[in-house]
PDBML (XML) file of the C-alpha atoms, coordinates in Angstrom:
<?xml version="1.0" encoding="UTF-8" ?>
<PDBx:datablock datablockName="MODEL"
   xmlns:PDBx="http://pdbml.pdb.org/schema/pdbx-v50.xsd"
   xmlns:xsi="http://www.w3.org/2001/XMLSchema-instance"
   xsi:schemaLocation="http://pdbml.pdb.org/schema/pdbx-v50.xsd pdbx-v50.xsd">
   <PDBx:atom_siteCategory>
      <PDBx:atom_site id="1">
         <PDBx:B_iso_or_equiv>0.00</PDBx:B_iso_or_equiv>
         <PDBx:Cartn_x>69.063</PDBx:Cartn_x>
         <PDBx:Cartn_y>169.431</PDBx:Cartn_y>
         <PDBx:Cartn_z>-30.247</PDBx:Cartn_z>
         <PDBx:auth_asym_id>A</PDBx:auth_asym_id>
         <PDBx:auth_atom_id>CA</PDBx:auth_atom_id>
         <PDBx:auth_comp_id>VAL</PDBx:auth_comp_id>
         <PDBx:auth_seq_id>1</PDBx:auth_seq_id>
         <PDBx:group_PDB>ATOM</PDBx:group_PDB>
         <PDBx:label_alt_id xsi:nil="true" />
         <PDBx:label_asym_id>A</PDBx:label_asym_id>
         <PDBx:label_atom_id>CA</PDBx:label_atom_id>
         <PDBx:label_comp_id>VAL</PDBx:label_comp_id>
         <PDBx:label_entity_id>1</PDBx:label_entity_id>
         <PDBx:label_seq_id>1</PDBx:label_seq_id>
         <PDBx:occupancy>1.00</PDBx:occupancy>
         <PDBx:pdbx_PDB_model_num>1</PDBx:pdbx_PDB_model_num>
         <PDBx:type_symbol>C</PDBx:type_symbol>
      </PDBx:atom_site>
      <PDBx:atom_site id="2">
         <PDBx:B_iso_or_equiv>0.00</PDBx:B_iso_or_equiv>
         <PDBx:Cartn_x>72.087</PDBx:Cartn_x>
         <PDBx:Cartn_y>168.250</PDBx:Cartn_y>
         <PDBx:Cartn_z>-32.191</PDBx:Cartn_z>
         <PDBx:auth_asym_id>A</PDBx:auth_asym_id>
         <PDBx:auth_atom_id>CA</PDBx:auth_atom_id>
         <PDBx:auth_comp_id>ILE</PDBx:auth_comp_id>
         <PDBx:auth_seq_id>2</PDBx:auth_seq_id>
         <PDBx:group_PDB>ATOM</PDBx:group_PDB>
         <PDBx:label_alt_id xsi:nil="true" />
         <PDBx:label_asym_id>A</PDBx:label_asym_id>
         <PDBx:label_atom_id>CA</PDBx:label_atom_id>
         <PDBx:label_comp_id>ILE</PDBx:label_comp_id>
         <PDBx:label_entity_id>1</PDBx:label_entity_id>
         <PDBx:label_seq_id>2</PDBx:label_seq_id>
         <PDBx:occupancy>1.00</PDBx:occupancy>
         <PDBx:pdbx_PDB_model_num>1</PDBx:pdbx_PDB_model_num>
         <PDBx:type_symbol>C</PDBx:type_symbol>
      </PDBx:atom_site>
      <PDBx:atom_site id="3">
         <PDBx:B_iso_or_equiv>0.00</PDBx:B_iso_or_equiv>
         <PDBx:Cartn_x>73.224</PDBx:Cartn_x>
         <PDBx:Cartn_y>164.664</PDBx:Cartn_y>
         <PDBx:Cartn_z>-31.745</PDBx:Cartn_z>
         <PDBx:auth_asym_id>A</PDBx:auth_asym_id>
         <PDBx:auth_atom_id>CA</PDBx:auth_atom_id>
         <PDBx:auth_comp_id>ARG</PDBx:auth_comp_id>
         <PDBx:auth_seq_id>3</PDBx:auth_seq_id>
         <PDBx:group_PDB>ATOM</PDBx:group_PDB>
         <PDBx:label_alt_id xsi:nil="true" />
         <PDBx:label_asym_id>A</PDBx:label_asym_id>
         <PDBx:label_atom_id>CA</PDBx:label_atom_id>
         <PDBx:label_comp_id>ARG</PDBx:label_comp_id>
         <PDBx:label_entity_id>1</PDBx:label_entity_id>
         <PDBx:label_seq_id>3</PDBx:label_seq_id>
         <PDBx:occupancy>1.00</PDBx:occupancy>
         <PDBx:pdbx_PDB_model_num>1</PDBx:pdbx_PDB_model_num>
         <PDBx:type_symbol>C</PDBx:type_symbol>
      </PDBx:atom_site>
      <PDBx:atom_site id="4">
         <PDBx:B_iso_or_equiv>0.00</PDBx:B_iso_or_equiv>
         <PDBx:Cartn_x>76.936</PDBx:Cartn_x>
         <PDBx:Cartn_y>163.880</PDBx:Cartn_y>
         <PDBx:Cartn_z>-31.710</PDBx:Cartn_z>
         <PDBx:auth_asym_id>A</PDBx:auth_asym_id>
         <PDBx:auth_atom_id>CA</PDBx:auth_atom_id>
         <PDBx:auth_comp_id>ILE</PDBx:auth_comp_id>
         <PDBx:auth_seq_id>4</PDBx:auth_seq_id>
         <PDBx:group_PDB>ATOM</PDBx:group_PDB>
         <PDBx:label_alt_id xsi:nil="true" />
         <PDBx:label_asym_id>A</PDBx:label_asym_id>
         <PDBx:label_atom_id>CA</PDBx:label_atom_id>
         <PDBx:label_comp_id>ILE</PDBx:label_comp_id>
         <PDBx:label_entity_id>1</PDBx:label_entity_id>
         <PDBx:label_seq_id>4</PDBx:label_seq_id>
         <PDBx:occupancy>1.00</PDBx:occupancy>
         <PDBx:pdbx_PDB_model_num>1</PDBx:pdbx_PDB_model_num>
         <PDBx:type_symbol>C</PDBx:type_symbol>
      </PDBx:atom_site>
      <PDBx:atom_site id="5">
         <PDBx:B_iso_or_equiv>0.00</PDBx:B_iso_or_equiv>
         <PDBx:Cartn_x>77.281</PDBx:Cartn_x>
         <PDBx:Cartn_y>160.416</PDBx:Cartn_y>
         <PDBx:Cartn_z>-33.240</PDBx:Cartn_z>
         <PDBx:auth_asym_id>A</PDBx:auth_asym_id>
         <PDBx:auth_atom_id>CA</PDBx:auth_atom_id>
         <PDBx:auth_comp_id>ASP</PDBx:auth_comp_id>
         <PDBx:auth_seq_id>5</PDBx:auth_seq_id>
         <PDBx:group_PDB>ATOM</PDBx:group_PDB>
         <PDBx:label_alt_id xsi:nil="true" />
         <PDBx:label_asym_id>A</PDBx:label_asym_id>
         <PDBx:label_atom_id>CA</PDBx:label_atom_id>
         <PDBx:label_comp_id>ASP</PDBx:label_comp_id>
         <PDBx:label_entity_id>1</PDBx:label_entity_id>
         <PDBx:label_seq_id>5</PDBx:label_seq_id>
         <PDBx:occupancy>1.00</PDBx:occupancy>
         <PDBx:pdbx_PDB_model_num>1</PDBx:pdbx_PDB_model_num>
         <PDBx:type_symbol>C</PDBx:type_symbol>
      </PDBx:atom_site>
      <PDBx:atom_site id="6">
         <PDBx:B_iso_or_equiv>0.00</PDBx:B_iso_or_equiv>
         <PDBx:Cartn_x>80.487</PDBx:Cartn_x>
         <PDBx:Cartn_y>158.413</PDBx:Cartn_y>
         <PDBx:Cartn_z>-33.242</PDBx:Cartn_z>
         <PDBx:auth_asym_id>A</PDBx:auth_asym_id>
         <PDBx:auth_atom_id>CA</PDBx:auth_atom_id>
         <PDBx:auth_comp_id>ARG</PDBx:auth_comp_id>
         <PDBx:auth_seq_id>6</PDBx:auth_seq_id>
         <PDBx:group_PDB>ATOM</PDBx:group_PDB>
         <PDBx:label_alt_id xsi:nil="true" />
         <PDBx:label_asym_id>A</PDBx:label_asym_id>
         <PDBx:label_atom_id>CA</PDBx:label_atom_id>
         <PDBx:label_comp_id>ARG</PDBx:label_comp_id>
         <PDBx:label_entity_id>1</PDBx:label_entity_id>
         <PDBx:label_seq_id>6</PDBx:label_seq_id>
         <PDBx:occupancy>1.00</PDBx:occupancy>
         <PDBx:pdbx_PDB_model_num>1</PDBx:pdbx_PDB_model_num>
         <PDBx:type_symbol>C</PDBx:type_symbol>
      </PDBx:atom_site>
      <PDBx:atom_site id="7">
         <PDBx:B_iso_or_equiv>0.00</PDBx:B_iso_or_equiv>
         <PDBx:Cartn_x>82.302</PDBx:Cartn_x>
         <PDBx:Cartn_y>158.577</PDBx:Cartn_y>
         <PDBx:Cartn_z>-36.563</PDBx:Cartn_z>
         <PDBx:auth_asym_id>A</PDBx:auth_asym_id>
         <PDBx:auth_atom_id>CA</PDBx:auth_atom_id>
         <PDBx:auth_comp_id>LEU</PDBx:auth_comp_id>
         <PDBx:auth_seq_id>7</PDBx:auth_seq_id>
         <PDBx:group_PDB>ATOM</PDBx:group_PDB>
         <PDBx:label_alt_id xsi:nil="true" />
         <PDBx:label_asym_id>A</PDBx:label_asym_id>
         <PDBx:label_atom_id>CA</PDBx:label_atom_id>
         <PDBx:label_comp_id>LEU</PDBx:label_comp_id>
         <PDBx:label_entity_id>1</PDBx:label_entity_id>
         <PDBx:label_seq_id>7</PDBx:label_seq_id>
         <PDBx:occupancy>1.00</PDBx:occupancy>
         <PDBx:pdbx_PDB_model_num>1</PDBx:pdbx_PDB_model_num>
         <PDBx:type_symbol>C</PDBx:type_symbol>
      </PDBx:atom_site>
      <PDBx:atom_site id="8">
         <PDBx:B_iso_or_equiv>0.00</PDBx:B_iso_or_equiv>
         <PDBx:Cartn_x>81.946</PDBx:Cartn_x>
         <PDBx:Cartn_y>154.824</PDBx:Cartn_y>
         <PDBx:Cartn_z>-37.062</PDBx:Cartn_z>
         <PDBx:auth_asym_id>A</PDBx:auth_asym_id>
         <PDBx:auth_atom_id>CA</PDBx:auth_atom_id>
         <PDBx:auth_comp_id>GLU</PDBx:auth_comp_id>
         <PDBx:auth_seq_id>8</PDBx:auth_seq_id>
         <PDBx:group_PDB>ATOM</PDBx:group_PDB>
         <PDBx:label_alt_id xsi:nil="true" />
         <PDBx:label_asym_id>A</PDBx:label_asym_id>
         <PDBx:label_atom_id>CA</PDBx:label_atom_id>
         <PDBx:label_comp_id>GLU</PDBx:label_comp_id>
         <PDBx:label_entity_id>1</PDBx:label_entity_id>
         <PDBx:label_seq_id>8</PDBx:label_seq_id>
         <PDBx:occupancy>1.00</PDBx:occupancy>
         <PDBx:pdbx_PDB_model_num>1</PDBx:pdbx_PDB_model_num>
         <PDBx:type_symbol>C</PDBx:type_symbol>
      </PDBx:atom_site>
      <PDBx:atom_site id="9">
         <PDBx:B_iso_or_equiv>0.00</PDBx:B_iso_or_equiv>
         <PDBx:Cartn_x>78.146</PDBx:Cartn_x>
         <PDBx:Cartn_y>155.181</PDBx:Cartn_y>
         <PDBx:Cartn_z>-36.854</PDBx:Cartn_z>
         <PDBx:auth_asym_id>A</PDBx:auth_asym_id>
         <PDBx:auth_atom_id>CA</PDBx:auth_atom_id>
         <PDBx:auth_comp_id>SER</PDBx:auth_comp_id>
         <PDBx:auth_seq_id>9</PDBx:auth_seq_id>
         <PDBx:group_PDB>ATOM</PDBx:group_PDB>
         <PDBx:label_alt_id xsi:nil="true" />
         <PDBx:label_asym_id>A</PDBx:label_asym_id>
         <PDBx:label_atom_id>CA</PDBx:label_atom_id>
         <PDBx:label_comp_id>SER</PDBx:label_comp_id>
         <PDBx:label_entity_id>1</PDBx:label_entity_id>
         <PDBx:label_seq_id>9</PDBx:label_seq_id>
         <PDBx:occupancy>1.00</PDBx:occupancy>
         <PDBx:pdbx_PDB_model_num>1</PDBx:pdbx_PDB_model_num>
         <PDBx:type_symbol>C</PDBx:type_symbol>
      </PDBx:atom_site>
      <PDBx:atom_site id="10">
         <PDBx:B_iso_or_equiv>0.00</PDBx:B_iso_or_equiv>
         <PDBx:Cartn_x>78.035</PDBx:Cartn_x>
         <PDBx:Cartn_y>157.075</PDBx:Cartn_y>
         <PDBx:Cartn_z>-40.132</PDBx:Cartn_z>
         <PDBx:auth_asym_id>A</PDBx:auth_asym_id>
         <PDBx:auth_atom_id>CA</PDBx:auth_atom_id>
         <PDBx:auth_comp_id>ALA</PDBx:auth_comp_id>
         <PDBx:auth_seq_id>10</PDBx:auth_seq_id>
         <PDBx:group_PDB>ATOM</PDBx:group_PDB>
         <PDBx:label_alt_id xsi:nil="true" />
         <PDBx:label_asym_id>A</PDBx:label_asym_id>
         <PDBx:label_atom_id>CA</PDBx:label_atom_id>
         <PDBx:label_comp_id>ALA</PDBx:label_comp_id>
         <PDBx:label_entity_id>1</PDBx:label_entity_id>
         <PDBx:label_seq_id>10</PDBx:label_seq_id>
         <PDBx:occupancy>1.00</PDBx:occupancy>
         <PDBx:pdbx_PDB_model_num>1</PDBx:pdbx_PDB_model_num>
         <PDBx:type_symbol>C</PDBx:type_symbol>
      </PDBx:atom_site>
      <PDBx:atom_site id="11">
         <PDBx:B_iso_or_equiv>0.00</PDBx:B_iso_or_equiv>
         <PDBx:Cartn_x>77.594</PDBx:Cartn_x>
         <PDBx:Cartn_y>154.360</PDBx:Cartn_y>
         <PDBx:Cartn_z>-42.762</PDBx:Cartn_z>
         <PDBx:auth_asym_id>A</PDBx:auth_asym_id>
         <PDBx:auth_atom_id>CA</PDBx:auth_atom_id>
         <PDBx:auth_comp_id>ASN</PDBx:auth_comp_id>
         <PDBx:auth_seq_id>11</PDBx:auth_seq_id>
         <PDBx:group_PDB>ATOM</PDBx:group_PDB>
         <PDBx:label_alt_id xsi:nil="true" />
         <PDBx:label_asym_id>A</PDBx:label_asym_id>
         <PDBx:label_atom_id>CA</PDBx:label_atom_id>
         <PDBx:label_comp_id>ASN</PDBx:label_comp_id>
         <PDBx:label_entity_id>1</PDBx:label_entity_id>
         <PDBx:label_seq_id>11</PDBx:label_seq_id>
         <PDBx:occupancy>1.00</PDBx:occupancy>
         <PDBx:pdbx_PDB_model_num>1</PDBx:pdbx_PDB_model_num>
         <PDBx:type_symbol>C</PDBx:type_symbol>
      </PDBx:atom_site>
      <PDBx:atom_site id="12">
         <PDBx:B_iso_or_equiv>0.00</PDBx:B_iso_or_equiv>
         <PDBx:Cartn_x>79.115</PDBx:Cartn_x>
         <PDBx:Cartn_y>156.274</PDBx:Cartn_y>
         <PDBx:Cartn_z>-45.626</PDBx:Cartn_z>
         <PDBx:auth_asym_id>A</PDBx:auth_asym_id>
         <PDBx:auth_atom_id>CA</PDBx:auth_atom_id>
         <PDBx:auth_comp_id>LEU</PDBx:auth_comp_id>
         <PDBx:auth_seq_id>12</PDBx:auth_seq_id>
         <PDBx:group_PDB>ATOM</PDBx:group_PDB>
         <PDBx:label_alt_id xsi:nil="true" />
         <PDBx:label_asym_id>A</PDBx:label_asym_id>
         <PDBx:label_atom_id>CA</PDBx:label_atom_id>
         <PDBx:label_comp_id>LEU</PDBx:label_comp_id>
         <PDBx:label_entity_id>1</PDBx:label_entity_id>
         <PDBx:label_seq_id>12</PDBx:label_seq_id>
         <PDBx:occupancy>1.00</PDBx:occupancy>
         <PDBx:pdbx_PDB_model_num>1</PDBx:pdbx_PDB_model_num>
         <PDBx:type_symbol>C</PDBx:type_symbol>
      </PDBx:atom_site>
      <PDBx:atom_site id="13">
         <PDBx:B_iso_or_equiv>0.00</PDBx:B_iso_or_equiv>
         <PDBx:Cartn_x>78.016</PDBx:Cartn_x>
         <PDBx:Cartn_y>154.994</PDBx:Cartn_y>
         <PDBx:Cartn_z>-49.027</PDBx:Cartn_z>
         <PDBx:auth_asym_id>A</PDBx:auth_asym_id>
         <PDBx:auth_atom_id>CA</PDBx:auth_atom_id>
         <PDBx:auth_comp_id>GLY</PDBx:auth_comp_id>
         <PDBx:auth_seq_id>13</PDBx:auth_seq_id>
         <PDBx:group_PDB>ATOM</PDBx:group_PDB>
         <PDBx:label_alt_id xsi:nil="true" />
         <PDBx:label_asym_id>A</PDBx:label_asym_id>
         <PDBx:label_atom_id>CA</PDBx:label_atom_id>
         <PDBx:label_comp_id>GLY</PDBx:label_comp_id>
         <PDBx:label_entity_id>1</PDBx:label_entity_id>
         <PDBx:label_seq_id>13</PDBx:label_seq_id>
         <PDBx:occupancy>1.00</PDBx:occupancy>
         <PDBx:pdbx_PDB_model_num>1</PDBx:pdbx_PDB_model_num>
         <PDBx:type_symbol>C</PDBx:type_symbol>
      </PDBx:atom_site>
      <PDBx:atom_site id="14">
         <PDBx:B_iso_or_equiv>0.00</PDBx:B_iso_or_equiv>
         <PDBx:Cartn_x>75.431</PDBx:Cartn_x>
         <PDBx:Cartn_y>152.625</PDBx:Cartn_y>
         <PDBx:Cartn_z>-47.549</PDBx:Cartn_z>
         <PDBx:auth_asym_id>A</PDBx:auth_asym_id>
         <PDBx:auth_atom_id>CA</PDBx:auth_atom_id>
         <PDBx:auth_comp_id>LEU</PDBx:auth_comp_id>
         <PDBx:auth_seq_id>14</PDBx:auth_seq_id>
         <PDBx:group_PDB>ATOM</PDBx:group_PDB>
         <PDBx:label_alt_id xsi:nil="true" />
         <PDBx:label_asym_id>A</PDBx:label_asym_id>
         <PDBx:label_atom_id>CA</PDBx:label_atom_id>
         <PDBx:label_comp_id>LEU</PDBx:label_comp_id>
         <PDBx:label_entity_id>1</PDBx:label_entity_id>
         <PDBx:label_seq_id>14</PDBx:label_seq_id>
         <PDBx:occupancy>1.00</PDBx:occupancy>
         <PDBx:pdbx_PDB_model_num>1</PDBx:pdbx_PDB_model_num>
         <PDBx:type_symbol>C</PDBx:type_symbol>
      </PDBx:atom_site>
      <PDBx:atom_site id="15">
         <PDBx:B_iso_or_equiv>0.00</PDBx:B_iso_or_equiv>
         <PDBx:Cartn_x>72.963</PDBx:Cartn_x>
         <PDBx:Cartn_y>154.861</PDBx:Cartn_y>
         <PDBx:Cartn_z>-45.717</PDBx:Cartn_z>
         <PDBx:auth_asym_id>A</PDBx:auth_asym_id>
         <PDBx:auth_atom_id>CA</PDBx:auth_atom_id>
         <PDBx:auth_comp_id>PRO</PDBx:auth_comp_id>
         <PDBx:auth_seq_id>15</PDBx:auth_seq_id>
         <PDBx:group_PDB>ATOM</PDBx:group_PDB>
         <PDBx:label_alt_id xsi:nil="true" />
         <PDBx:label_asym_id>A</PDBx:label_asym_id>
         <PDBx:label_atom_id>CA</PDBx:label_atom_id>
         <PDBx:label_comp_id>PRO</PDBx:label_comp_id>
         <PDBx:label_entity_id>1</PDBx:label_entity_id>
         <PDBx:label_seq_id>15</PDBx:label_seq_id>
         <PDBx:occupancy>1.00</PDBx:occupancy>
         <PDBx:pdbx_PDB_model_num>1</PDBx:pdbx_PDB_model_num>
         <PDBx:type_symbol>C</PDBx:type_symbol>
      </PDBx:atom_site>
      <PDBx:atom_site id="16">
         <PDBx:B_iso_or_equiv>0.00</PDBx:B_iso_or_equiv>
         <PDBx:Cartn_x>70.248</PDBx:Cartn_x>
         <PDBx:Cartn_y>152.991</PDBx:Cartn_y>
         <PDBx:Cartn_z>-43.877</PDBx:Cartn_z>
         <PDBx:auth_asym_id>A</PDBx:auth_asym_id>
         <PDBx:auth_atom_id>CA</PDBx:auth_atom_id>
         <PDBx:auth_comp_id>ARG</PDBx:auth_comp_id>
         <PDBx:auth_seq_id>16</PDBx:auth_seq_id>
         <PDBx:group_PDB>ATOM</PDBx:group_PDB>
         <PDBx:label_alt_id xsi:nil="true" />
         <PDBx:label_asym_id>A</PDBx:label_asym_id>
         <PDBx:label_atom_id>CA</PDBx:label_atom_id>
         <PDBx:label_comp_id>ARG</PDBx:label_comp_id>
         <PDBx:label_entity_id>1</PDBx:label_entity_id>
         <PDBx:label_seq_id>16</PDBx:label_seq_id>
         <PDBx:occupancy>1.00</PDBx:occupancy>
         <PDBx:pdbx_PDB_model_num>1</PDBx:pdbx_PDB_model_num>
         <PDBx:type_symbol>C</PDBx:type_symbol>
      </PDBx:atom_site>
      <PDBx:atom_site id="17">
         <PDBx:B_iso_or_equiv>0.00</PDBx:B_iso_or_equiv>
         <PDBx:Cartn_x>66.634</PDBx:Cartn_x>
         <PDBx:Cartn_y>154.167</PDBx:Cartn_y>
         <PDBx:Cartn_z>-43.768</PDBx:Cartn_z>
         <PDBx:auth_asym_id>A</PDBx:auth_asym_id>
         <PDBx:auth_atom_id>CA</PDBx:auth_atom_id>
         <PDBx:auth_comp_id>ASP</PDBx:auth_comp_id>
         <PDBx:auth_seq_id>17</PDBx:auth_seq_id>
         <PDBx:group_PDB>ATOM</PDBx:group_PDB>
         <PDBx:label_alt_id xsi:nil="true" />
         <PDBx:label_asym_id>A</PDBx:label_asym_id>
         <PDBx:label_atom_id>CA</PDBx:label_atom_id>
         <PDBx:label_comp_id>ASP</PDBx:label_comp_id>
         <PDBx:label_entity_id>1</PDBx:label_entity_id>
         <PDBx:label_seq_id>17</PDBx:label_seq_id>
         <PDBx:occupancy>1.00</PDBx:occupancy>
         <PDBx:pdbx_PDB_model_num>1</PDBx:pdbx_PDB_model_num>
         <PDBx:type_symbol>C</PDBx:type_symbol>
      </PDBx:atom_site>
      <PDBx:atom_site id="18">
         <PDBx:B_iso_or_equiv>0.00</PDBx:B_iso_or_equiv>
         <PDBx:Cartn_x>66.107</PDBx:Cartn_x>
         <PDBx:Cartn_y>155.455</PDBx:Cartn_y>
         <PDBx:Cartn_z>-40.218</PDBx:Cartn_z>
         <PDBx:auth_asym_id>A</PDBx:auth_asym_id>
         <PDBx:auth_atom_id>CA</PDBx:auth_atom_id>
         <PDBx:auth_comp_id>PRO</PDBx:auth_comp_id>
         <PDBx:auth_seq_id>18</PDBx:auth_seq_id>
         <PDBx:group_PDB>ATOM</PDBx:group_PDB>
         <PDBx:label_alt_id xsi:nil="true" />
         <PDBx:label_asym_id>A</PDBx:label_asym_id>
         <PDBx:label_atom_id>CA</PDBx:label_atom_id>
         <PDBx:label_comp_id>PRO</PDBx:label_comp_id>
         <PDBx:label_entity_id>1</PDBx:label_entity_id>
         <PDBx:label_seq_id>18</PDBx:label_seq_id>
         <PDBx:occupancy>1.00</PDBx:occupancy>
         <PDBx:pdbx_PDB_model_num>1</PDBx:pdbx_PDB_model_num>
         <PDBx:type_symbol>C</PDBx:type_symbol>
      </PDBx:atom_site>
      <PDBx:atom_site id="19">
         <PDBx:B_iso_or_equiv>0.00</PDBx:B_iso_or_equiv>
         <PDBx:Cartn_x>62.465</PDBx:Cartn_x>
         <PDBx:Cartn_y>156.512</PDBx:Cartn_y>
         <PDBx:Cartn_z>-40.575</PDBx:Cartn_z>
         <PDBx:auth_asym_id>A</PDBx:auth_asym_id>
         <PDBx:auth_atom_id>CA</PDBx:auth_atom_id>
         <PDBx:auth_comp_id>LYS</PDBx:auth_comp_id>
         <PDBx:auth_seq_id>19</PDBx:auth_seq_id>
         <PDBx:group_PDB>ATOM</PDBx:group_PDB>
         <PDBx:label_alt_id xsi:nil="true" />
         <PDBx:label_asym_id>A</PDBx:label_asym_id>
         <PDBx:label_atom_id>CA</PDBx:label_atom_id>
         <PDBx:label_comp_id>LYS</PDBx:label_comp_id>
         <PDBx:label_entity_id>1</PDBx:label_entity_id>
         <PDBx:label_seq_id>19</PDBx:label_seq_id>
         <PDBx:occupancy>1.00</PDBx:occupancy>
         <PDBx:pdbx_PDB_model_num>1</PDBx:pdbx_PDB_model_num>
         <PDBx:type_symbol>C</PDBx:type_symbol>
      </PDBx:atom_site>
      <PDBx:atom_site id="20">
         <PDBx:B_iso_or_equiv>0.00</PDBx:B_iso_or_equiv>
         <PDBx:Cartn_x>61.185</PDBx:Cartn_x>
         <PDBx:Cartn_y>154.023</PDBx:Cartn_y>
         <PDBx:Cartn_z>-37.974</PDBx:Cartn_z>
         <PDBx:auth_asym_id>A</PDBx:auth_asym_id>
         <PDBx:auth_atom_id>CA</PDBx:auth_atom_id>
         <PDBx:auth_comp_id>THR</PDBx:auth_comp_id>
         <PDBx:auth_seq_id>20</PDBx:auth_seq_id>
         <PDBx:group_PDB>ATOM</PDBx:group_PDB>
         <PDBx:label_alt_id xsi:nil="true" />
         <PDBx:label_asym_id>A</PDBx:label_asym_id>
         <PDBx:label_atom_id>CA</PDBx:label_atom_id>
         <PDBx:label_comp_id>THR</PDBx:label_comp_id>
         <PDBx:label_entity_id>1</PDBx:label_entity_id>
         <PDBx:label_seq_id>20</PDBx:label_seq_id>
         <PDBx:occupancy>1.00</PDBx:occupancy>
         <PDBx:pdbx_PDB_model_num>1</PDBx:pdbx_PDB_model_num>
         <PDBx:type_symbol>C</PDBx:type_symbol>
      </PDBx:atom_site>
      <PDBx:atom_site id="21">
         <PDBx:B_iso_or_equiv>0.00</PDBx:B_iso_or_equiv>
         <PDBx:Cartn_x>63.799</PDBx:Cartn_x>
         <PDBx:Cartn_y>154.997</PDBx:Cartn_y>
         <PDBx:Cartn_z>-35.345</PDBx:Cartn_z>
         <PDBx:auth_asym_id>A</PDBx:auth_asym_id>
         <PDBx:auth_atom_id>CA</PDBx:auth_atom_id>
         <PDBx:auth_comp_id>ASP</PDBx:auth_comp_id>
         <PDBx:auth_seq_id>21</PDBx:auth_seq_id>
         <PDBx:group_PDB>ATOM</PDBx:group_PDB>
         <PDBx:label_alt_id xsi:nil="true" />
         <PDBx:label_asym_id>A</PDBx:label_asym_id>
         <PDBx:label_atom_id>CA</PDBx:label_atom_id>
         <PDBx:label_comp_id>ASP</PDBx:label_comp_id>
         <PDBx:label_entity_id>1</PDBx:label_entity_id>
         <PDBx:label_seq_id>21</PDBx:label_seq_id>
         <PDBx:occupancy>1.00</PDBx:occupancy>
         <PDBx:pdbx_PDB_model_num>1</PDBx:pdbx_PDB_model_num>
         <PDBx:type_symbol>C</PDBx:type_symbol>
      </PDBx:atom_site>
      <PDBx:atom_site id="22">
         <PDBx:B_iso_or_equiv>0.00</PDBx:B_iso_or_equiv>
         <PDBx:Cartn_x>61.191</PDBx:Cartn_x>
         <PDBx:Cartn_y>157.343</PDBx:Cartn_y>
         <PDBx:Cartn_z>-33.939</PDBx:Cartn_z>
         <PDBx:auth_asym_id>A</PDBx:auth_asym_id>
         <PDBx:auth_atom_id>CA</PDBx:auth_atom_id>
         <PDBx:auth_comp_id>LEU</PDBx:auth_comp_id>
         <PDBx:auth_seq_id>22</PDBx:auth_seq_id>
         <PDBx:group_PDB>ATOM</PDBx:group_PDB>
         <PDBx:label_alt_id xsi:nil="true" />
         <PDBx:label_asym_id>A</PDBx:label_asym_id>
         <PDBx:label_atom_id>CA</PDBx:label_atom_id>
         <PDBx:label_comp_id>LEU</PDBx:label_comp_id>
         <PDBx:label_entity_id>1</PDBx:label_entity_id>
         <PDBx:label_seq_id>22</PDBx:label_seq_id>
         <PDBx:occupancy>1.00</PDBx:occupancy>
         <PDBx:pdbx_PDB_model_num>1</PDBx:pdbx_PDB_model_num>
         <PDBx:type_symbol>C</PDBx:type_symbol>
      </PDBx:atom_site>
      <PDBx:atom_site id="23">
         <PDBx:B_iso_or_equiv>0.00</PDBx:B_iso_or_equiv>
         <PDBx:Cartn_x>63.115</PDBx:Cartn_x>
         <PDBx:Cartn_y>158.290</PDBx:Cartn_y>
         <PDBx:Cartn_z>-30.805</PDBx:Cartn_z>
         <PDBx:auth_asym_id>A</PDBx:auth_asym_id>
         <PDBx:auth_atom_id>CA</PDBx:auth_atom_id>
         <PDBx:auth_comp_id>LEU</PDBx:auth_comp_id>
         <PDBx:auth_seq_id>23</PDBx:auth_seq_id>
         <PDBx:group_PDB>ATOM</PDBx:group_PDB>
         <PDBx:label_alt_id xsi:nil="true" />
         <PDBx:label_asym_id>A</PDBx:label_asym_id>
         <PDBx:label_atom_id>CA</PDBx:label_atom_id>
         <PDBx:label_comp_id>LEU</PDBx:label_comp_id>
         <PDBx:label_entity_id>1</PDBx:label_entity_id>
         <PDBx:label_seq_id>23</PDBx:label_seq_id>
         <PDBx:occupancy>1.00</PDBx:occupancy>
         <PDBx:pdbx_PDB_model_num>1</PDBx:pdbx_PDB_model_num>
         <PDBx:type_symbol>C</PDBx:type_symbol>
      </PDBx:atom_site>
      <PDBx:atom_site id="24">
         <PDBx:B_iso_or_equiv>0.00</PDBx:B_iso_or_equiv>
         <PDBx:Cartn_x>65.638</PDBx:Cartn_x>
         <PDBx:Cartn_y>160.041</PDBx:Cartn_y>
         <PDBx:Cartn_z>-33.091</PDBx:Cartn_z>
         <PDBx:auth_asym_id>A</PDBx:auth_asym_id>
         <PDBx:auth_atom_id>CA</PDBx:auth_atom_id>
         <PDBx:auth_comp_id>MET</PDBx:auth_comp_id>
         <PDBx:auth_seq_id>24</PDBx:auth_seq_id>
         <PDBx:group_PDB>ATOM</PDBx:group_PDB>
         <PDBx:label_alt_id xsi:nil="true" />
         <PDBx:label_asym_id>A</PDBx:label_asym_id>
         <PDBx:label_atom_id>CA</PDBx:label_atom_id>
         <PDBx:label_comp_id>MET</PDBx:label_comp_id>
         <PDBx:label_entity_id>1</PDBx:label_entity_id>
         <PDBx:label_seq_id>24</PDBx:label_seq_id>
         <PDBx:occupancy>1.00</PDBx:occupancy>
         <PDBx:pdbx_PDB_model_num>1</PDBx:pdbx_PDB_model_num>
         <PDBx:type_symbol>C</PDBx:type_symbol>
      </PDBx:atom_site>
      <PDBx:atom_site id="25">
         <PDBx:B_iso_or_equiv>0.00</PDBx:B_iso_or_equiv>
         <PDBx:Cartn_x>63.120</PDBx:Cartn_x>
         <PDBx:Cartn_y>162.394</PDBx:Cartn_y>
         <PDBx:Cartn_z>-34.694</PDBx:Cartn_z>
         <PDBx:auth_asym_id>A</PDBx:auth_asym_id>
         <PDBx:auth_atom_id>CA</PDBx:auth_atom_id>
         <PDBx:auth_comp_id>ARG</PDBx:auth_comp_id>
         <PDBx:auth_seq_id>25</PDBx:auth_seq_id>
         <PDBx:group_PDB>ATOM</PDBx:group_PDB>
         <PDBx:label_alt_id xsi:nil="true" />
         <PDBx:label_asym_id>A</PDBx:label_asym_id>
         <PDBx:label_atom_id>CA</PDBx:label_atom_id>
         <PDBx:label_comp_id>ARG</PDBx:label_comp_id>
         <PDBx:label_entity_id>1</PDBx:label_entity_id>
         <PDBx:label_seq_id>25</PDBx:label_seq_id>
         <PDBx:occupancy>1.00</PDBx:occupancy>
         <PDBx:pdbx_PDB_model_num>1</PDBx:pdbx_PDB_model_num>
         <PDBx:type_symbol>C</PDBx:type_symbol>
      </PDBx:atom_site>
   </PDBx:atom_siteCategory>
</PDBx:datablock>
């Protein structure tokens, strides 16, 4: 499964830590 995210969702330079967004594993 590949997820197409909106371009504005990619926080370039300031990546967040998504490890607890478990539904996106």
